[in-house]
Every structure is written in C-alpha cells, then in structure tokens.
C-alpha cells in the first residue's frame, strides 16, 4: 500500500480493554502511545487529532489502567492506541507488576501493532520505565518513535542538546528508534509525528 496522509481529526473512541485478550480483534494496523503518566501523552494525542479532549473525555476515572482504542476510519482497521500511563500512579507493587505484564504482552504479541510512540519529558528523558519499554520493543523488533514532549519548557539550545543526548544514548538502536522534539502547547512537531504514523499505518497488508 502506498503511503498516504491519514486524517487524524476523525479519530473516535471505540473500545477499552484491561488485558490483551479483551482487546479489539488483532487485524488491520494500529500505533500505540506510551509514556509516564506525566509525560504529556493525552496532550500529544489531542494535538495530533485536533480534538481538545479526545484522550480524556473517552475515559472515566480509573480507565488509566486500560488499553484505549481510537478508530481512524469507519471500519476500524486503522487505529491509535492509548496505553496505560506508567511509573506515576500510587498503586501496590503487585498491581504495578500486573500492568507491566499486560503492557509487555501487548507490545510483544499484538501482530497489528506497527509501531510505538514513546513519550518522554524533554527535561527528564530515558527513565527506568522508558528503558523498560524500549527493551520490550527491541525484543519484539518494534519500531519506536520518541517524542521529547514539553519542548516549549526549554530554550532552543538546551532542547536541542537533550535531543542529541537521547539520540546518542540510543545510537545502537538507530535502525528501530527515531527521536524528535514536540510541544503540544505550540503545536511544534505535529507534522513529523503524523508523517511517521502515516508511514507505519500504510504498512497494513
């Protein structure tokens, strides 16, 4: 299928699932968004889709533990997936380990998953949890596009330095991992993100 531009503004919430077994049918193509709970994941999804509260109003309190699906077309064969935020919630260790197991299962066993968008605060990138997500993606041979979010919080020089630092740290994975600066507030980086998603989602067989 040739690469085409997808209209992300038509994204709509269609399903939530607590486990891989309860996810939508594993067909078509989807891209997942993951990151620490305070990395700006909802803001990035809302900015991409030009919908003020898509990633929030589609869920009630408590849905943060669920895998949320957003359809990009009528027959739901193209999807965005909002994965549970990690590393922030004050939950028992047993519950946290259960979340991690479901996330690992999803990343390594979901055949319709074409790529992972991993969000990191530009001021605090590559946390232990980020490294864990990258390790899972590496095991699954899954391409990862990193958004260094809240880039507006830094001046241009420090932001560029953070970008280069992350690229250097992940140079051994450069065949699978790409990195960019992103600001939901200023709408900076949206075109680069959407072009990456277009390419991944166009790989649907």
C-alpha atoms as a PDB file:
ATOM      1  CA  UNK A   1       0.000   0.000   0.000  1.00  0.00           C
ATOM      2  CA  UNK A   2       1.468   3.411  -0.927  1.00  0.00           C
ATOM      3  CA  UNK A   3       1.975   5.938   1.842  1.00  0.00           C
ATOM      4  CA  UNK A   4      -0.999   8.257   2.154  1.00  0.00           C
ATOM      5  CA  UNK A   5      -1.949  11.051   4.507  1.00  0.00           C
ATOM      6  CA  UNK A   6      -4.397   9.969   7.202  1.00  0.00           C
ATOM      7  CA  UNK A   7      -6.998  12.356   8.610  1.00  0.00           C
ATOM      8  CA  UNK A   8      -6.294  12.089  12.346  1.00  0.00           C
ATOM      9  CA  UNK A   9      -9.043  14.600  13.109  1.00  0.00           C
ATOM     10  CA  UNK A  10     -11.631  11.876  12.527  1.00  0.00           C
ATOM     11  CA  UNK A  11     -10.297   9.753  15.409  1.00  0.00           C
ATOM     12  CA  UNK A  12     -13.019   8.482  17.709  1.00  0.00           C
ATOM     13  CA  UNK A  13     -13.012   6.330  20.847  1.00  0.00           C
ATOM     14  CA  UNK A  14     -14.203   2.771  20.211  1.00  0.00           C
ATOM     15  CA  UNK A  15     -13.031   0.403  22.958  1.00  0.00           C
ATOM     16  CA  UNK A  16     -11.191  -0.072  26.267  1.00  0.00           C
ATOM     17  CA  UNK A  17      -9.563  -3.309  27.407  1.00  0.00           C
ATOM     18  CA  UNK A  18      -7.849  -4.346  30.664  1.00  0.00           C
ATOM     19  CA  UNK A  19      -5.890  -7.212  29.050  1.00  0.00           C
ATOM     20  CA  UNK A  20      -4.591  -8.334  25.665  1.00  0.00           C
ATOM     21  CA  UNK A  21      -7.297 -10.999  25.476  1.00  0.00           C
ATOM     22  CA  UNK A  22     -10.040  -8.349  25.651  1.00  0.00           C
ATOM     23  CA  UNK A  23      -8.543  -6.022  23.030  1.00  0.00           C
ATOM     24  CA  UNK A  24     -10.151  -5.429  19.652  1.00  0.00           C
ATOM     25  CA  UNK A  25      -9.635  -8.123  17.030  1.00  0.00           C
ATOM     26  CA  UNK A  26      -5.959  -8.301  16.066  1.00  0.00           C
ATOM     27  CA  UNK A  27      -6.395  -7.217  12.435  1.00  0.00           C
ATOM     28  CA  UNK A  28      -5.672  -4.076  10.446  1.00  0.00           C
ATOM     29  CA  UNK A  29      -2.991  -1.670  11.674  1.00  0.00           C
ATOM     30  CA  UNK A  30      -2.501   0.350  14.846  1.00  0.00           C
ATOM     31  CA  UNK A  31       0.063   2.586  16.504  1.00  0.00           C
ATOM     32  CA  UNK A  32       0.356   2.749  20.302  1.00  0.00           C
ATOM     33  CA  UNK A  33       1.244   5.722  22.503  1.00  0.00           C
ATOM     34  CA  UNK A  34       3.041   5.044  25.790  1.00  0.00           C
ATOM     35  CA  UNK A  35       4.818   7.061  28.453  1.00  0.00           C
ATOM     36  CA  UNK A  36       4.973   8.100  32.053  1.00  0.00           C
ATOM     37  CA  UNK A  37       1.678   9.434  33.363  1.00  0.00           C
ATOM     38  CA  UNK A  38       3.054  12.986  33.437  1.00  0.00           C
ATOM     39  CA  UNK A  39       4.854  12.924  30.075  1.00  0.00           C
ATOM     40  CA  UNK A  40       2.031  14.642  28.178  1.00  0.00           C
ATOM     41  CA  UNK A  41       0.595  11.600  26.391  1.00  0.00           C
ATOM     42  CA  UNK A  42      -3.024  12.781  26.372  1.00  0.00           C
ATOM     43  CA  UNK A  43      -1.973  16.251  25.191  1.00  0.00           C
ATOM     44  CA  UNK A  44       0.025  14.754  22.315  1.00  0.00           C
ATOM     45  CA  UNK A  45      -2.901  12.595  21.162  1.00  0.00           C
ATOM     46  CA  UNK A  46      -5.294  15.533  21.415  1.00  0.00           C
ATOM     47  CA  UNK A  47      -2.887  17.778  19.484  1.00  0.00           C
ATOM     48  CA  UNK A  48      -2.380  15.184  16.739  1.00  0.00           C
ATOM     49  CA  UNK A  49      -6.141  14.687  16.312  1.00  0.00           C
ATOM     50  CA  UNK A  50      -7.003  18.377  16.795  1.00  0.00           C
ATOM     51  CA  UNK A  51      -9.570  17.333  19.399  1.00  0.00           C
ATOM     52  CA  UNK A  52      -9.404  19.171  22.670  1.00  0.00           C
ATOM     53  CA  UNK A  53     -10.194  16.241  24.958  1.00  0.00           C
ATOM     54  CA  UNK A  54     -10.297  13.011  22.928  1.00  0.00           C
ATOM     55  CA  UNK A  55      -7.832  11.180  25.157  1.00  0.00           C
ATOM     56  CA  UNK A  56      -9.617  12.332  28.313  1.00  0.00           C
ATOM     57  CA  UNK A  57     -13.352  12.506  27.659  1.00  0.00           C
ATOM     58  CA  UNK A  58     -13.355   8.973  26.252  1.00  0.00           C
ATOM     59  CA  UNK A  59     -12.458   7.664  29.668  1.00  0.00           C
ATOM     60  CA  UNK A  60     -13.756   7.877  33.189  1.00  0.00           C
ATOM     61  CA  UNK A  61     -11.556   7.957  36.313  1.00  0.00           C
ATOM     62  CA  UNK A  62      -9.932   4.553  36.554  1.00  0.00           C
ATOM     63  CA  UNK A  63      -9.600   3.975  32.824  1.00  0.00           C
ATOM     64  CA  UNK A  64      -5.949   4.960  33.084  1.00  0.00           C
ATOM     65  CA  UNK A  65      -5.308   1.261  33.764  1.00  0.00           C
ATOM     66  CA  UNK A  66      -6.900   0.275  30.458  1.00  0.00           C
ATOM     67  CA  UNK A  67      -5.746  -0.019  26.841  1.00  0.00           C
ATOM     68  CA  UNK A  68      -7.869   2.524  24.924  1.00  0.00           C
ATOM     69  CA  UNK A  69      -8.541   2.266  21.181  1.00  0.00           C
ATOM     70  CA  UNK A  70      -9.379   5.140  18.806  1.00  0.00           C
ATOM     71  CA  UNK A  71     -10.545   4.392  15.252  1.00  0.00           C
ATOM     72  CA  UNK A  72      -9.207   6.440  12.337  1.00  0.00           C
ATOM     73  CA  UNK A  73     -11.631   5.089   9.728  1.00  0.00           C
ATOM     74  CA  UNK A  74     -15.167   3.738   9.511  1.00  0.00           C
ATOM     75  CA  UNK A  75     -14.321   0.026   9.584  1.00  0.00           C
ATOM     76  CA  UNK A  76     -11.854   0.422  12.491  1.00  0.00           C
ATOM     77  CA  UNK A  77      -8.971  -1.134  10.555  1.00  0.00           C
ATOM     78  CA  UNK A  78      -6.700   1.859  11.329  1.00  0.00           C
ATOM     79  CA  UNK A  79      -6.313   2.741  14.997  1.00  0.00           C
ATOM     80  CA  UNK A  80      -4.450   4.787  17.580  1.00  0.00           C
ATOM     81  CA  UNK A  81      -3.983   3.061  20.947  1.00  0.00           C
ATOM     82  CA  UNK A  82      -3.503   4.866  24.252  1.00  0.00           C
ATOM     83  CA  UNK A  83      -1.621   2.580  26.639  1.00  0.00           C
ATOM     84  CA  UNK A  84      -1.814   2.977  30.441  1.00  0.00           C
ATOM     85  CA  UNK A  85       0.498   5.629  31.867  1.00  0.00           C
ATOM     86  CA  UNK A  86       3.294   4.037  33.854  1.00  0.00           C
ATOM     87  CA  UNK A  87       5.574   4.829  36.759  1.00  0.00           C
ATOM     88  CA  UNK A  88       3.457   7.511  38.402  1.00  0.00           C
ATOM     89  CA  UNK A  89       0.318   6.061  39.992  1.00  0.00           C
ATOM     90  CA  UNK A  90       0.482   5.255  43.687  1.00  0.00           C
ATOM     91  CA  UNK A  91      -0.590   1.645  43.442  1.00  0.00           C
ATOM     92  CA  UNK A  92       0.551  -1.548  45.200  1.00  0.00           C
ATOM     93  CA  UNK A  93       3.597  -3.224  43.682  1.00  0.00           C
ATOM     94  CA  UNK A  94       1.501  -6.292  42.791  1.00  0.00           C
ATOM     95  CA  UNK A  95      -0.852  -4.132  40.713  1.00  0.00           C
ATOM     96  CA  UNK A  96       2.036  -2.322  39.043  1.00  0.00           C
ATOM     97  CA  UNK A  97       3.638  -5.635  38.059  1.00  0.00           C
ATOM     98  CA  UNK A  98       0.314  -6.774  36.601  1.00  0.00           C
ATOM     99  CA  UNK A  99       0.103  -3.604  34.481  1.00  0.00           C
ATOM    100  CA  UNK A 100       3.644  -4.219  33.262  1.00  0.00           C
ATOM    101  CA  UNK A 101       2.798  -7.793  32.293  1.00  0.00           C
ATOM    102  CA  UNK A 102      -0.177  -6.652  30.210  1.00  0.00           C
ATOM    103  CA  UNK A 103       1.877  -3.928  28.528  1.00  0.00           C
ATOM    104  CA  UNK A 104       4.644  -6.406  27.730  1.00  0.00           C
ATOM    105  CA  UNK A 105       2.116  -8.896  26.328  1.00  0.00           C
ATOM    106  CA  UNK A 106       0.561  -6.205  24.157  1.00  0.00           C
ATOM    107  CA  UNK A 107       3.864  -4.929  22.737  1.00  0.00           C
ATOM    108  CA  UNK A 108       5.301  -8.374  22.017  1.00  0.00           C
ATOM    109  CA  UNK A 109       2.239 -10.326  20.888  1.00  0.00           C
ATOM    110  CA  UNK A 110      -0.023  -7.841  19.068  1.00  0.00           C
ATOM    111  CA  UNK A 111       0.502  -8.526  15.344  1.00  0.00           C
ATOM    112  CA  UNK A 112      -1.487  -5.482  14.155  1.00  0.00           C
ATOM    113  CA  UNK A 113       0.808  -3.142  16.115  1.00  0.00           C
ATOM    114  CA  UNK A 114       3.017  -1.361  13.574  1.00  0.00           C
ATOM    115  CA  UNK A 115       4.948   0.975  15.866  1.00  0.00           C
ATOM    116  CA  UNK A 116       5.239   2.558  19.304  1.00  0.00           C
ATOM    117  CA  UNK A 117       5.249   6.284  20.054  1.00  0.00           C
ATOM    118  CA  UNK A 118       7.136   6.656  23.344  1.00  0.00           C
ATOM    119  CA  UNK A 119       6.704   9.995  25.112  1.00  0.00           C
ATOM    120  CA  UNK A 120       9.332  11.427  27.451  1.00  0.00           C
ATOM    121  CA  UNK A 121       9.506  14.829  29.138  1.00  0.00           C
ATOM    122  CA  UNK A 122      12.372  16.580  27.341  1.00  0.00           C
ATOM    123  CA  UNK A 123      13.724  17.635  30.747  1.00  0.00           C
ATOM    124  CA  UNK A 124      13.758  14.067  32.156  1.00  0.00           C
ATOM    125  CA  UNK A 125      14.239  11.556  29.311  1.00  0.00           C
ATOM    126  CA  UNK A 126      15.208   7.880  29.426  1.00  0.00           C
ATOM    127  CA  UNK A 127      13.896   6.999  32.873  1.00  0.00           C
ATOM    128  CA  UNK A 128      13.993   3.432  34.114  1.00  0.00           C
ATOM    129  CA  UNK A 129      10.451   2.917  32.813  1.00  0.00           C
ATOM    130  CA  UNK A 130      11.351   4.336  29.397  1.00  0.00           C
ATOM    131  CA  UNK A 131      14.278   1.925  29.190  1.00  0.00           C
ATOM    132  CA  UNK A 132      11.939  -0.941  30.077  1.00  0.00           C
ATOM    133  CA  UNK A 133       9.553  -0.004  27.248  1.00  0.00           C
ATOM    134  CA  UNK A 134      12.455   0.237  24.793  1.00  0.00           C
ATOM    135  CA  UNK A 135      13.672  -3.199  25.886  1.00  0.00           C
ATOM    136  CA  UNK A 136      10.230  -4.730  25.254  1.00  0.00           C
ATOM    137  CA  UNK A 137      10.030  -3.046  21.849  1.00  0.00           C
ATOM    138  CA  UNK A 138      13.513  -4.289  20.979  1.00  0.00           C
ATOM    139  CA  UNK A 139      12.534  -7.870  21.816  1.00  0.00           C
ATOM    140  CA  UNK A 140       9.528  -7.518  19.507  1.00  0.00           C
ATOM    141  CA  UNK A 141      11.611  -5.842  16.754  1.00  0.00           C
ATOM    142  CA  UNK A 142       9.110  -2.989  17.003  1.00  0.00           C
ATOM    143  CA  UNK A 143       9.940   0.470  15.568  1.00  0.00           C
ATOM    144  CA  UNK A 144       9.798   3.261  18.160  1.00  0.00           C
ATOM    145  CA  UNK A 145       9.342   6.987  17.588  1.00  0.00           C
ATOM    146  CA  UNK A 146      10.253   9.021  20.663  1.00  0.00           C
ATOM    147  CA  UNK A 147       8.528  12.332  21.357  1.00  0.00           C
ATOM    148  CA  UNK A 148      10.526  14.586  23.674  1.00  0.00           C
ATOM    149  CA  UNK A 149       7.498  16.456  24.951  1.00  0.00           C
ATOM    150  CA  UNK A 150       7.112  19.866  26.588  1.00  0.00           C
ATOM    151  CA  UNK A 151       9.920  21.218  24.401  1.00  0.00           C
ATOM    152  CA  UNK A 152       8.483  24.704  24.995  1.00  0.00           C
ATOM    153  CA  UNK A 153       9.696  24.427  28.601  1.00  0.00           C
ATOM    154  CA  UNK A 154      13.307  24.730  27.412  1.00  0.00           C
ATOM    155  CA  UNK A 155      15.089  27.279  25.279  1.00  0.00           C
ATOM    156  CA  UNK A 156      16.172  26.136  21.822  1.00  0.00           C
ATOM    157  CA  UNK A 157      19.772  25.318  22.816  1.00  0.00           C
ATOM    158  CA  UNK A 158      19.003  23.105  25.833  1.00  0.00           C
ATOM    159  CA  UNK A 159      16.155  21.406  23.925  1.00  0.00           C
ATOM    160  CA  UNK A 160      18.481  20.583  21.018  1.00  0.00           C
ATOM    161  CA  UNK A 161      21.098  19.326  23.486  1.00  0.00           C
ATOM    162  CA  UNK A 162      18.544  16.981  25.084  1.00  0.00           C
ATOM    163  CA  UNK A 163      17.584  15.691  21.631  1.00  0.00           C
ATOM    164  CA  UNK A 164      21.193  14.937  20.771  1.00  0.00           C
ATOM    165  CA  UNK A 165      21.789  13.298  24.151  1.00  0.00           C
ATOM    166  CA  UNK A 166      18.892  10.891  23.630  1.00  0.00           C
ATOM    167  CA  UNK A 167      19.941  10.115  20.055  1.00  0.00           C
ATOM    168  CA  UNK A 168      23.469   9.386  21.232  1.00  0.00           C
ATOM    169  CA  UNK A 169      22.263   7.151  24.096  1.00  0.00           C
ATOM    170  CA  UNK A 170      20.136   5.113  21.661  1.00  0.00           C
ATOM    171  CA  UNK A 171      22.561   5.016  18.738  1.00  0.00           C
ATOM    172  CA  UNK A 172      22.790   1.196  18.909  1.00  0.00           C
ATOM    173  CA  UNK A 173      19.048   1.092  18.144  1.00  0.00           C
ATOM    174  CA  UNK A 174      19.078   3.723  15.404  1.00  0.00           C
ATOM    175  CA  UNK A 175      17.662   1.248  12.883  1.00  0.00           C
ATOM    176  CA  UNK A 176      14.488   0.950  15.006  1.00  0.00           C
ATOM    177  CA  UNK A 177      14.334   4.202  17.008  1.00  0.00           C
ATOM    178  CA  UNK A 178      13.765   7.784  15.832  1.00  0.00           C
ATOM    179  CA  UNK A 179      13.566  10.870  18.073  1.00  0.00           C
ATOM    180  CA  UNK A 180      12.037  14.345  17.755  1.00  0.00           C
ATOM    181  CA  UNK A 181      11.157  17.388  19.857  1.00  0.00           C
ATOM    182  CA  UNK A 182       7.442  18.002  20.445  1.00  0.00           C
ATOM    183  CA  UNK A 183       5.342  20.745  22.010  1.00  0.00           C
ATOM    184  CA  UNK A 184       1.590  20.270  22.350  1.00  0.00           C
ATOM    185  CA  UNK A 185       1.286  23.859  23.571  1.00  0.00           C
ATOM    186  CA  UNK A 186       2.928  25.374  20.477  1.00  0.00           C
ATOM    187  CA  UNK A 187       1.861  22.569  18.086  1.00  0.00           C
ATOM    188  CA  UNK A 188       5.533  22.037  17.216  1.00  0.00           C
ATOM    189  CA  UNK A 189       6.480  18.666  15.737  1.00  0.00           C
ATOM    190  CA  UNK A 190       2.983  17.565  14.706  1.00  0.00           C
ATOM    191  CA  UNK A 191       3.890  17.229  11.023  1.00  0.00           C
ATOM    192  CA  UNK A 192       6.879  14.988  11.779  1.00  0.00           C
ATOM    193  CA  UNK A 193       4.765  12.805  14.068  1.00  0.00           C
ATOM    194  CA  UNK A 194       1.887  12.450  11.591  1.00  0.00           C
ATOM    195  CA  UNK A 195       4.310  11.610   8.743  1.00  0.00           C
ATOM    196  CA  UNK A 196       5.802   8.812  10.858  1.00  0.00           C
ATOM    197  CA  UNK A 197       2.356   7.436  11.709  1.00  0.00           C
ATOM    198  CA  UNK A 198       1.261   7.655   8.061  1.00  0.00           C
ATOM    199  CA  UNK A 199       4.247   5.519   7.074  1.00  0.00           C
ATOM    200  CA  UNK A 200       3.626   2.914   9.795  1.00  0.00           C
ATOM    201  CA  UNK A 201      -0.117   2.633   9.255  1.00  0.00           C
ATOM    202  CA  UNK A 202       0.334   2.416   5.479  1.00  0.00           C
ATOM    203  CA  UNK A 203       2.220  -0.834   6.068  1.00  0.00           C
ATOM    204  CA  UNK A 204      -1.124  -2.616   6.635  1.00  0.00           C
ATOM    205  CA  UNK A 205      -1.205  -5.705   4.483  1.00  0.00           C
END
